[in-house]
Amino acid sequence: MSRLLKNTVFGLLVVCSLAACKQAQQDSAEAAKETITEMKANTLDAAKDAAANAERAASDIAKAVEQVDVPAPAAETADK
């Protein structure tokens, strides 16, 4: 009887261990999905910020160019 009890307990331990491994695997997969989703969102936000910064920089450059006073070329004289 004691051998049957040991085998039963061992069988239950194996089943519980397998169930725990499966649950851990599912939890790990869910955590990975959440991490990937967050990384995608962060990447998209960073790309939007970079595009906005580039647009502002281009606008600032255009404004600076408009403010530069470029002298007209000197007229060539016939004396040369």
PDB file of N, CA and C in Angstrom:
ATOM      1  N   MET A   1       0.816  -1.193   0.000  1.00  0.00           N
ATOM      2  CA  MET A   1       0.000   0.000   0.000  1.00  0.00           C
ATOM      3  C   MET A   1       0.861   1.260   0.000  1.00  0.00           C
ATOM      4  N   SER A   2       1.948   1.203   0.726  1.00  0.00           N
ATOM      5  CA  SER A   2       2.793   2.374   0.818  1.00  0.00           C
ATOM      6  C   SER A   2       3.444   2.675  -0.530  1.00  0.00           C
ATOM      7  N   ARG A   3       3.736   1.647  -1.338  1.00  0.00           N
ATOM      8  CA  ARG A   3       4.313   1.867  -2.659  1.00  0.00           C
ATOM      9  C   ARG A   3       3.283   2.554  -3.565  1.00  0.00           C
ATOM     10  N   LEU A   4       2.038   2.159  -3.501  1.00  0.00           N
ATOM     11  CA  LEU A   4       0.975   2.788  -4.281  1.00  0.00           C
ATOM     12  C   LEU A   4       0.823   4.253  -3.883  1.00  0.00           C
ATOM     13  N   LEU A   5       0.902   4.511  -2.598  1.00  0.00           N
ATOM     14  CA  LEU A   5       0.798   5.891  -2.107  1.00  0.00           C
ATOM     15  C   LEU A   5       1.963   6.734  -2.616  1.00  0.00           C
ATOM     16  N   LYS A   6       3.186   6.179  -2.582  1.00  0.00           N
ATOM     17  CA  LYS A   6       4.360   6.901  -3.073  1.00  0.00           C
ATOM     18  C   LYS A   6       4.215   7.201  -4.568  1.00  0.00           C
ATOM     19  N   ASN A   7       3.776   6.203  -5.336  1.00  0.00           N
ATOM     20  CA  ASN A   7       3.612   6.402  -6.771  1.00  0.00           C
ATOM     21  C   ASN A   7       2.532   7.441  -7.070  1.00  0.00           C
ATOM     22  N   THR A   8       1.469   7.426  -6.284  1.00  0.00           N
ATOM     23  CA  THR A   8       0.393   8.391  -6.469  1.00  0.00           C
ATOM     24  C   THR A   8       0.884   9.804  -6.157  1.00  0.00           C
ATOM     25  N   VAL A   9       1.588   9.947  -5.061  1.00  0.00           N
ATOM     26  CA  VAL A   9       2.133  11.253  -4.675  1.00  0.00           C
ATOM     27  C   VAL A   9       3.131  11.737  -5.729  1.00  0.00           C
ATOM     28  N   PHE A  10       3.985  10.831  -6.201  1.00  0.00           N
ATOM     29  CA  PHE A  10       4.948  11.193  -7.236  1.00  0.00           C
ATOM     30  C   PHE A  10       4.229  11.633  -8.510  1.00  0.00           C
ATOM     31  N   GLY A  11       3.200  10.902  -8.893  1.00  0.00           N
ATOM     32  CA  GLY A  11       2.414  11.254 -10.074  1.00  0.00           C
ATOM     33  C   GLY A  11       1.777  12.622  -9.930  1.00  0.00           C
ATOM     34  N   LEU A  12       1.245  12.898  -8.749  1.00  0.00           N
ATOM     35  CA  LEU A  12       0.649  14.217  -8.506  1.00  0.00           C
ATOM     36  C   LEU A  12       1.688  15.334  -8.575  1.00  0.00           C
ATOM     37  N   LEU A  13       2.877  15.054  -8.063  1.00  0.00           N
ATOM     38  CA  LEU A  13       3.958  16.049  -8.130  1.00  0.00           C
ATOM     39  C   LEU A  13       4.345  16.338  -9.581  1.00  0.00           C
ATOM     40  N   VAL A  14       4.420  15.284 -10.384  1.00  0.00           N
ATOM     41  CA  VAL A  14       4.768  15.467 -11.793  1.00  0.00           C
ATOM     42  C   VAL A  14       3.701  16.297 -12.500  1.00  0.00           C
ATOM     43  N   VAL A  15       2.433  15.962 -12.269  1.00  0.00           N
ATOM     44  CA  VAL A  15       1.336  16.697 -12.905  1.00  0.00           C
ATOM     45  C   VAL A  15       1.335  18.162 -12.467  1.00  0.00           C
ATOM     46  N   CYS A  16       1.523  18.397 -11.187  1.00  0.00           N
ATOM     47  CA  CYS A  16       1.560  19.779 -10.679  1.00  0.00           C
ATOM     48  C   CYS A  16       2.749  20.547 -11.259  1.00  0.00           C
ATOM     49  N   SER A  17       3.891  19.877 -11.375  1.00  0.00           N
ATOM     50  CA  SER A  17       5.071  20.532 -11.945  1.00  0.00           C
ATOM     51  C   SER A  17       4.844  20.911 -13.393  1.00  0.00           C
ATOM     52  N   LEU A  18       4.233  20.014 -14.164  1.00  0.00           N
ATOM     53  CA  LEU A  18       3.937  20.307 -15.559  1.00  0.00           C
ATOM     54  C   LEU A  18       2.952  21.464 -15.685  1.00  0.00           C
ATOM     55  N   ALA A  19       1.951  21.465 -14.817  1.00  0.00           N
ATOM     56  CA  ALA A  19       0.971  22.552 -14.840  1.00  0.00           C
ATOM     57  C   ALA A  19       1.643  23.885 -14.489  1.00  0.00           C
ATOM     58  N   ALA A  20       2.542  23.865 -13.517  1.00  0.00           N
ATOM     59  CA  ALA A  20       3.251  25.085 -13.124  1.00  0.00           C
ATOM     60  C   ALA A  20       4.142  25.577 -14.260  1.00  0.00           C
ATOM     61  N   CYS A  21       4.793  24.652 -14.962  1.00  0.00           N
ATOM     62  CA  CYS A  21       5.644  25.042 -16.097  1.00  0.00           C
ATOM     63  C   CYS A  21       4.804  25.659 -17.212  1.00  0.00           C
ATOM     64  N   LYS A  22       3.673  25.064 -17.482  1.00  0.00           N
ATOM     65  CA  LYS A  22       2.794  25.592 -18.530  1.00  0.00           C
ATOM     66  C   LYS A  22       2.305  26.985 -18.159  1.00  0.00           C
ATOM     67  N   GLN A  23       1.930  27.192 -16.906  1.00  0.00           N
ATOM     68  CA  GLN A  23       1.471  28.502 -16.459  1.00  0.00           C
ATOM     69  C   GLN A  23       2.598  29.525 -16.557  1.00  0.00           C
ATOM     70  N   ALA A  24       3.809  29.110 -16.168  1.00  0.00           N
ATOM     71  CA  ALA A  24       4.959  30.018 -16.252  1.00  0.00           C
ATOM     72  C   ALA A  24       5.234  30.393 -17.705  1.00  0.00           C
ATOM     73  N   GLN A  25       5.078  29.420 -18.607  1.00  0.00           N
ATOM     74  CA  GLN A  25       5.285  29.689 -20.022  1.00  0.00           C
ATOM     75  C   GLN A  25       4.237  30.685 -20.537  1.00  0.00           C
ATOM     76  N   GLN A  26       3.007  30.521 -20.140  1.00  0.00           N
ATOM     77  CA  GLN A  26       1.944  31.440 -20.558  1.00  0.00           C
ATOM     78  C   GLN A  26       2.180  32.838 -19.998  1.00  0.00           C
ATOM     79  N   ASP A  27       2.582  32.913 -18.738  1.00  0.00           N
ATOM     80  CA  ASP A  27       2.875  34.209 -18.127  1.00  0.00           C
ATOM     81  C   ASP A  27       4.028  34.904 -18.847  1.00  0.00           C
ATOM     82  N   SER A  28       5.046  34.123 -19.201  1.00  0.00           N
ATOM     83  CA  SER A  28       6.195  34.677 -19.902  1.00  0.00           C
ATOM     84  C   SER A  28       5.791  35.191 -21.285  1.00  0.00           C
ATOM     85  N   ALA A  29       4.951  34.444 -21.972  1.00  0.00           N
ATOM     86  CA  ALA A  29       4.488  34.872 -23.292  1.00  0.00           C
ATOM     87  C   ALA A  29       3.668  36.155 -23.185  1.00  0.00           C
ATOM     88  N   GLU A  30       2.821  36.240 -22.174  1.00  0.00           N
ATOM     89  CA  GLU A  30       2.006  37.446 -21.981  1.00  0.00           C
ATOM     90  C   GLU A  30       2.890  38.651 -21.664  1.00  0.00           C
ATOM     91  N   ALA A  31       3.899  38.446 -20.826  1.00  0.00           N
ATOM     92  CA  ALA A  31       4.820  39.536 -20.492  1.00  0.00           C
ATOM     93  C   ALA A  31       5.587  39.990 -21.730  1.00  0.00           C
ATOM     94  N   ALA A  32       5.981  39.039 -22.572  1.00  0.00           N
ATOM     95  CA  ALA A  32       6.692  39.389 -23.803  1.00  0.00           C
ATOM     96  C   ALA A  32       5.792  40.193 -24.732  1.00  0.00           C
ATOM     97  N   LYS A  33       4.529  39.808 -24.848  1.00  0.00           N
ATOM     98  CA  LYS A  33       3.591  40.556 -25.689  1.00  0.00           C
ATOM     99  C   LYS A  33       3.436  41.985 -25.185  1.00  0.00           C
ATOM    100  N   GLU A  34       3.308  42.138 -23.872  1.00  0.00           N
ATOM    101  CA  GLU A  34       3.159  43.473 -23.298  1.00  0.00           C
ATOM    102  C   GLU A  34       4.404  44.315 -23.556  1.00  0.00           C
ATOM    103  N   THR A  35       5.571  43.702 -23.424  1.00  0.00           N
ATOM    104  CA  THR A  35       6.823  44.418 -23.656  1.00  0.00           C
ATOM    105  C   THR A  35       6.926  44.869 -25.103  1.00  0.00           C
ATOM    106  N   ILE A  36       6.569  43.982 -26.024  1.00  0.00           N
ATOM    107  CA  ILE A  36       6.624  44.326 -27.452  1.00  0.00           C
ATOM    108  C   ILE A  36       5.653  45.453 -27.771  1.00  0.00           C
ATOM    109  N   THR A  37       4.457  45.383 -27.205  1.00  0.00           N
ATOM    110  CA  THR A  37       3.466  46.433 -27.436  1.00  0.00           C
ATOM    111  C   THR A  37       3.973  47.779 -26.925  1.00  0.00           C
ATOM    112  N   GLU A  38       4.567  47.763 -25.739  1.00  0.00           N
ATOM    113  CA  GLU A  38       5.091  49.002 -25.164  1.00  0.00           C
ATOM    114  C   GLU A  38       6.257  49.541 -26.000  1.00  0.00           C
ATOM    115  N   MET A  39       7.117  48.646 -26.475  1.00  0.00           N
ATOM    116  CA  MET A  39       8.245  49.078 -27.298  1.00  0.00           C
ATOM    117  C   MET A  39       7.759  49.690 -28.609  1.00  0.00           C
ATOM    118  N   LYS A  40       6.733  49.089 -29.206  1.00  0.00           N
ATOM    119  CA  LYS A  40       6.175  49.649 -30.443  1.00  0.00           C
ATOM    120  C   LYS A  40       5.626  51.049 -30.198  1.00  0.00           C
ATOM    121  N   ALA A  41       4.901  51.209 -29.094  1.00  0.00           N
ATOM    122  CA  ALA A  41       4.329  52.516 -28.768  1.00  0.00           C
ATOM    123  C   ALA A  41       5.432  53.538 -28.531  1.00  0.00           C
ATOM    124  N   ASN A  42       6.472  53.146 -27.801  1.00  0.00           N
ATOM    125  CA  ASN A  42       7.580  54.066 -27.525  1.00  0.00           C
ATOM    126  C   ASN A  42       8.312  54.437 -28.805  1.00  0.00           C
ATOM    127  N   THR A  43       8.485  53.466 -29.705  1.00  0.00           N
ATOM    128  CA  THR A  43       9.159  53.731 -30.969  1.00  0.00           C
ATOM    129  C   THR A  43       8.343  54.703 -31.814  1.00  0.00           C
ATOM    130  N   LEU A  44       7.038  54.486 -31.857  1.00  0.00           N
ATOM    131  CA  LEU A  44       6.164  55.372 -32.628  1.00  0.00           C
ATOM    132  C   LEU A  44       6.188  56.782 -32.043  1.00  0.00           C
ATOM    133  N   ASP A  45       6.130  56.890 -30.720  1.00  0.00           N
ATOM    134  CA  ASP A  45       6.199  58.204 -30.083  1.00  0.00           C
ATOM    135  C   ASP A  45       7.523  58.898 -30.397  1.00  0.00           C
ATOM    136  N   ALA A  46       8.610  58.144 -30.339  1.00  0.00           N
ATOM    137  CA  ALA A  46       9.927  58.724 -30.622  1.00  0.00           C
ATOM    138  C   ALA A  46      10.011  59.180 -32.072  1.00  0.00           C
ATOM    139  N   ALA A  47       9.442  58.403 -32.980  1.00  0.00           N
ATOM    140  CA  ALA A  47       9.456  58.798 -34.398  1.00  0.00           C
ATOM    141  C   ALA A  47       8.638  60.063 -34.618  1.00  0.00           C
ATOM    142  N   LYS A  48       7.485  60.147 -33.959  1.00  0.00           N
ATOM    143  CA  LYS A  48       6.662  61.357 -34.083  1.00  0.00           C
ATOM    144  C   LYS A  48       7.401  62.565 -33.532  1.00  0.00           C
ATOM    145  N   ASP A  49       8.063  62.398 -32.384  1.00  0.00           N
ATOM    146  CA  ASP A  49       8.827  63.495 -31.795  1.00  0.00           C
ATOM    147  C   ASP A  49       9.961  63.921 -32.719  1.00  0.00           C
ATOM    148  N   ALA A  50      10.649  62.949 -33.308  1.00  0.00           N
ATOM    149  CA  ALA A  50      11.759  63.277 -34.210  1.00  0.00           C
ATOM    150  C   ALA A  50      11.254  64.020 -35.438  1.00  0.00           C
ATOM    151  N   ALA A  51      10.117  63.589 -35.968  1.00  0.00           N
ATOM    152  CA  ALA A  51       9.552  64.279 -37.135  1.00  0.00           C
ATOM    153  C   ALA A  51       9.152  65.706 -36.783  1.00  0.00           C
ATOM    154  N   ALA A  52       8.555  65.896 -35.610  1.00  0.00           N
ATOM    155  CA  ALA A  52       8.165  67.241 -35.181  1.00  0.00           C
ATOM    156  C   ALA A  52       9.404  68.122 -34.974  1.00  0.00           C
ATOM    157  N   ASN A  53      10.453  67.549 -34.395  1.00  0.00           N
ATOM    158  CA  ASN A  53      11.692  68.311 -34.194  1.00  0.00           C
ATOM    159  C   ASN A  53      12.330  68.692 -35.524  1.00  0.00           C
ATOM    160  N   ALA A  54      12.308  67.780 -36.481  1.00  0.00           N
ATOM    161  CA  ALA A  54      12.875  68.069 -37.806  1.00  0.00           C
ATOM    162  C   ALA A  54      12.076  69.166 -38.497  1.00  0.00           C
ATOM    163  N   GLU A  55      10.755  69.114 -38.355  1.00  0.00           N
ATOM    164  CA  GLU A  55       9.912  70.144 -38.959  1.00  0.00           C
ATOM    165  C   GLU A  55      10.183  71.509 -38.338  1.00  0.00           C
ATOM    166  N   ARG A  56      10.327  71.544 -37.002  1.00  0.00           N
ATOM    167  CA  ARG A  56      10.643  72.812 -36.337  1.00  0.00           C
ATOM    168  C   ARG A  56      12.006  73.336 -36.766  1.00  0.00           C
ATOM    169  N   ALA A  57      12.974  72.429 -36.880  1.00  0.00           N
ATOM    170  CA  ALA A  57      14.315  72.851 -37.287  1.00  0.00           C
ATOM    171  C   ALA A  57      14.294  73.408 -38.708  1.00  0.00           C
ATOM    172  N   ALA A  58      13.562  72.755 -39.598  1.00  0.00           N
ATOM    173  CA  ALA A  58      13.467  73.249 -40.980  1.00  0.00           C
ATOM    174  C   ALA A  58      12.804  74.618 -41.012  1.00  0.00           C
ATOM    175  N   SER A  59      11.786  74.805 -40.205  1.00  0.00           N
ATOM    176  CA  SER A  59      11.106  76.097 -40.144  1.00  0.00           C
ATOM    177  C   SER A  59      12.043  77.171 -39.607  1.00  0.00           C
ATOM    178  N   ASP A  60      12.801  76.829 -38.565  1.00  0.00           N
ATOM    179  CA  ASP A  60      13.753  77.791 -37.995  1.00  0.00           C
ATOM    180  C   ASP A  60      14.825  78.165 -39.013  1.00  0.00           C
ATOM    181  N   ILE A  61      15.281  77.179 -39.766  1.00  0.00           N
ATOM    182  CA  ILE A  61      16.304  77.458 -40.783  1.00  0.00           C
ATOM    183  C   ILE A  61      15.728  78.361 -41.868  1.00  0.00           C
ATOM    184  N   ALA A  62      14.512  78.078 -42.293  1.00  0.00           N
ATOM    185  CA  ALA A  62      13.885  78.907 -43.327  1.00  0.00           C
ATOM    186  C   ALA A  62      13.737  80.347 -42.842  1.00  0.00           C
ATOM    187  N   LYS A  63      13.337  80.515 -41.585  1.00  0.00           N
ATOM    188  CA  LYS A  63      13.198  81.876 -41.041  1.00  0.00           C
ATOM    189  C   LYS A  63      14.549  82.577 -40.976  1.00  0.00           C
ATOM    190  N   ALA A  64      15.582  81.844 -40.591  1.00  0.00           N
ATOM    191  CA  ALA A  64      16.919  82.435 -40.494  1.00  0.00           C
ATOM    192  C   ALA A  64      17.429  82.841 -41.872  1.00  0.00           C
ATOM    193  N   VAL A  65      17.155  82.024 -42.869  1.00  0.00           N
ATOM    194  CA  VAL A  65      17.591  82.347 -44.229  1.00  0.00           C
ATOM    195  C   VAL A  65      16.892  83.611 -44.733  1.00  0.00           C
ATOM    196  N   GLU A  66      15.619  83.754 -44.396  1.00  0.00           N
ATOM    197  CA  GLU A  66      14.877  84.938 -44.822  1.00  0.00           C
ATOM    198  C   GLU A  66      15.444  86.208 -44.209  1.00  0.00           C
ATOM    199  N   GLN A  67      16.032  86.101 -43.038  1.00  0.00           N
ATOM    200  CA  GLN A  67      16.541  87.281 -42.331  1.00  0.00           C
ATOM    201  C   GLN A  67      17.952  87.662 -42.754  1.00  0.00           C
ATOM    202  N   VAL A  68      18.621  86.806 -43.500  1.00  0.00           N
ATOM    203  CA  VAL A  68      19.988  87.104 -43.917  1.00  0.00           C
ATOM    204  C   VAL A  68      19.946  88.130 -45.047  1.00  0.00           C
ATOM    205  N   ASP A  69      20.732  89.179 -44.889  1.00  0.00           N
ATOM    206  CA  ASP A  69      20.793  90.237 -45.894  1.00  0.00           C
ATOM    207  C   ASP A  69      21.979  89.949 -46.804  1.00  0.00           C
ATOM    208  N   VAL A  70      21.682  89.538 -48.014  1.00  0.00           N
ATOM    209  CA  VAL A  70      22.741  89.225 -48.975  1.00  0.00           C
ATOM    210  C   VAL A  70      22.927  90.446 -49.868  1.00  0.00           C
ATOM    211  N   PRO A  71      24.123  91.000 -49.873  1.00  0.00           N
ATOM    212  CA  PRO A  71      24.352  92.186 -50.710  1.00  0.00           C
ATOM    213  C   PRO A  71      24.314  91.817 -52.186  1.00  0.00           C
ATOM    214  N   ALA A  72      23.852  92.766 -52.980  1.00  0.00           N
ATOM    215  CA  ALA A  72      23.822  92.553 -54.425  1.00  0.00           C
ATOM    216  C   ALA A  72      25.242  92.527 -54.944  1.00  0.00           C
ATOM    217  N   PRO A  73      25.477  91.753 -55.988  1.00  0.00           N
ATOM    218  CA  PRO A  73      26.867  91.734 -56.532  1.00  0.00           C
ATOM    219  C   PRO A  73      27.238  93.108 -57.067  1.00  0.00           C
ATOM    220  N   ALA A  74      28.475  93.435 -56.901  1.00  0.00           N
ATOM    221  CA  ALA A  74      28.967  94.744 -57.382  1.00  0.00           C
ATOM    222  C   ALA A  74      28.939  94.766 -58.893  1.00  0.00           C
ATOM    223  N   ALA A  75      28.549  95.903 -59.431  1.00  0.00           N
ATOM    224  CA  ALA A  75      28.501  96.042 -60.896  1.00  0.00           C
ATOM    225  C   ALA A  75      29.925  96.115 -61.423  1.00  0.00           C
ATOM    226  N   GLU A  76      30.151  95.406 -62.519  1.00  0.00           N
ATOM    227  CA  GLU A  76      31.493  95.426 -63.104  1.00  0.00           C
ATOM    228  C   GLU A  76      31.668  96.741 -63.858  1.00  0.00           C
ATOM    229  N   THR A  77      32.813  97.290 -63.734  1.00  0.00           N
ATOM    230  CA  THR A  77      33.082  98.542 -64.443  1.00  0.00           C
ATOM    231  C   THR A  77      33.830  98.250 -65.738  1.00  0.00           C
ATOM    232  N   ALA A  78      33.688  99.122 -66.673  1.00  0.00           N
ATOM    233  CA  ALA A  78      34.352  98.954 -67.969  1.00  0.00           C
ATOM    234  C   ALA A  78      35.816  99.337 -67.903  1.00  0.00           C
ATOM    235  N   ASP A  79      36.240  99.893 -66.779  1.00  0.00           N
ATOM    236  CA  ASP A  79      37.616 100.357 -66.642  1.00  0.00           C
ATOM    237  C   ASP A  79      38.605  99.221 -66.509  1.00  0.00           C
ATOM    238  N   LYS A  80      38.164  98.088 -66.160  1.00  0.00           N
ATOM    239  CA  LYS A  80      39.102  97.001 -65.872  1.00  0.00           C
ATOM    240  C   LYS A  80      39.798  96.597 -67.080  1.00  0.00           C
TER     241      LYS A  80
END
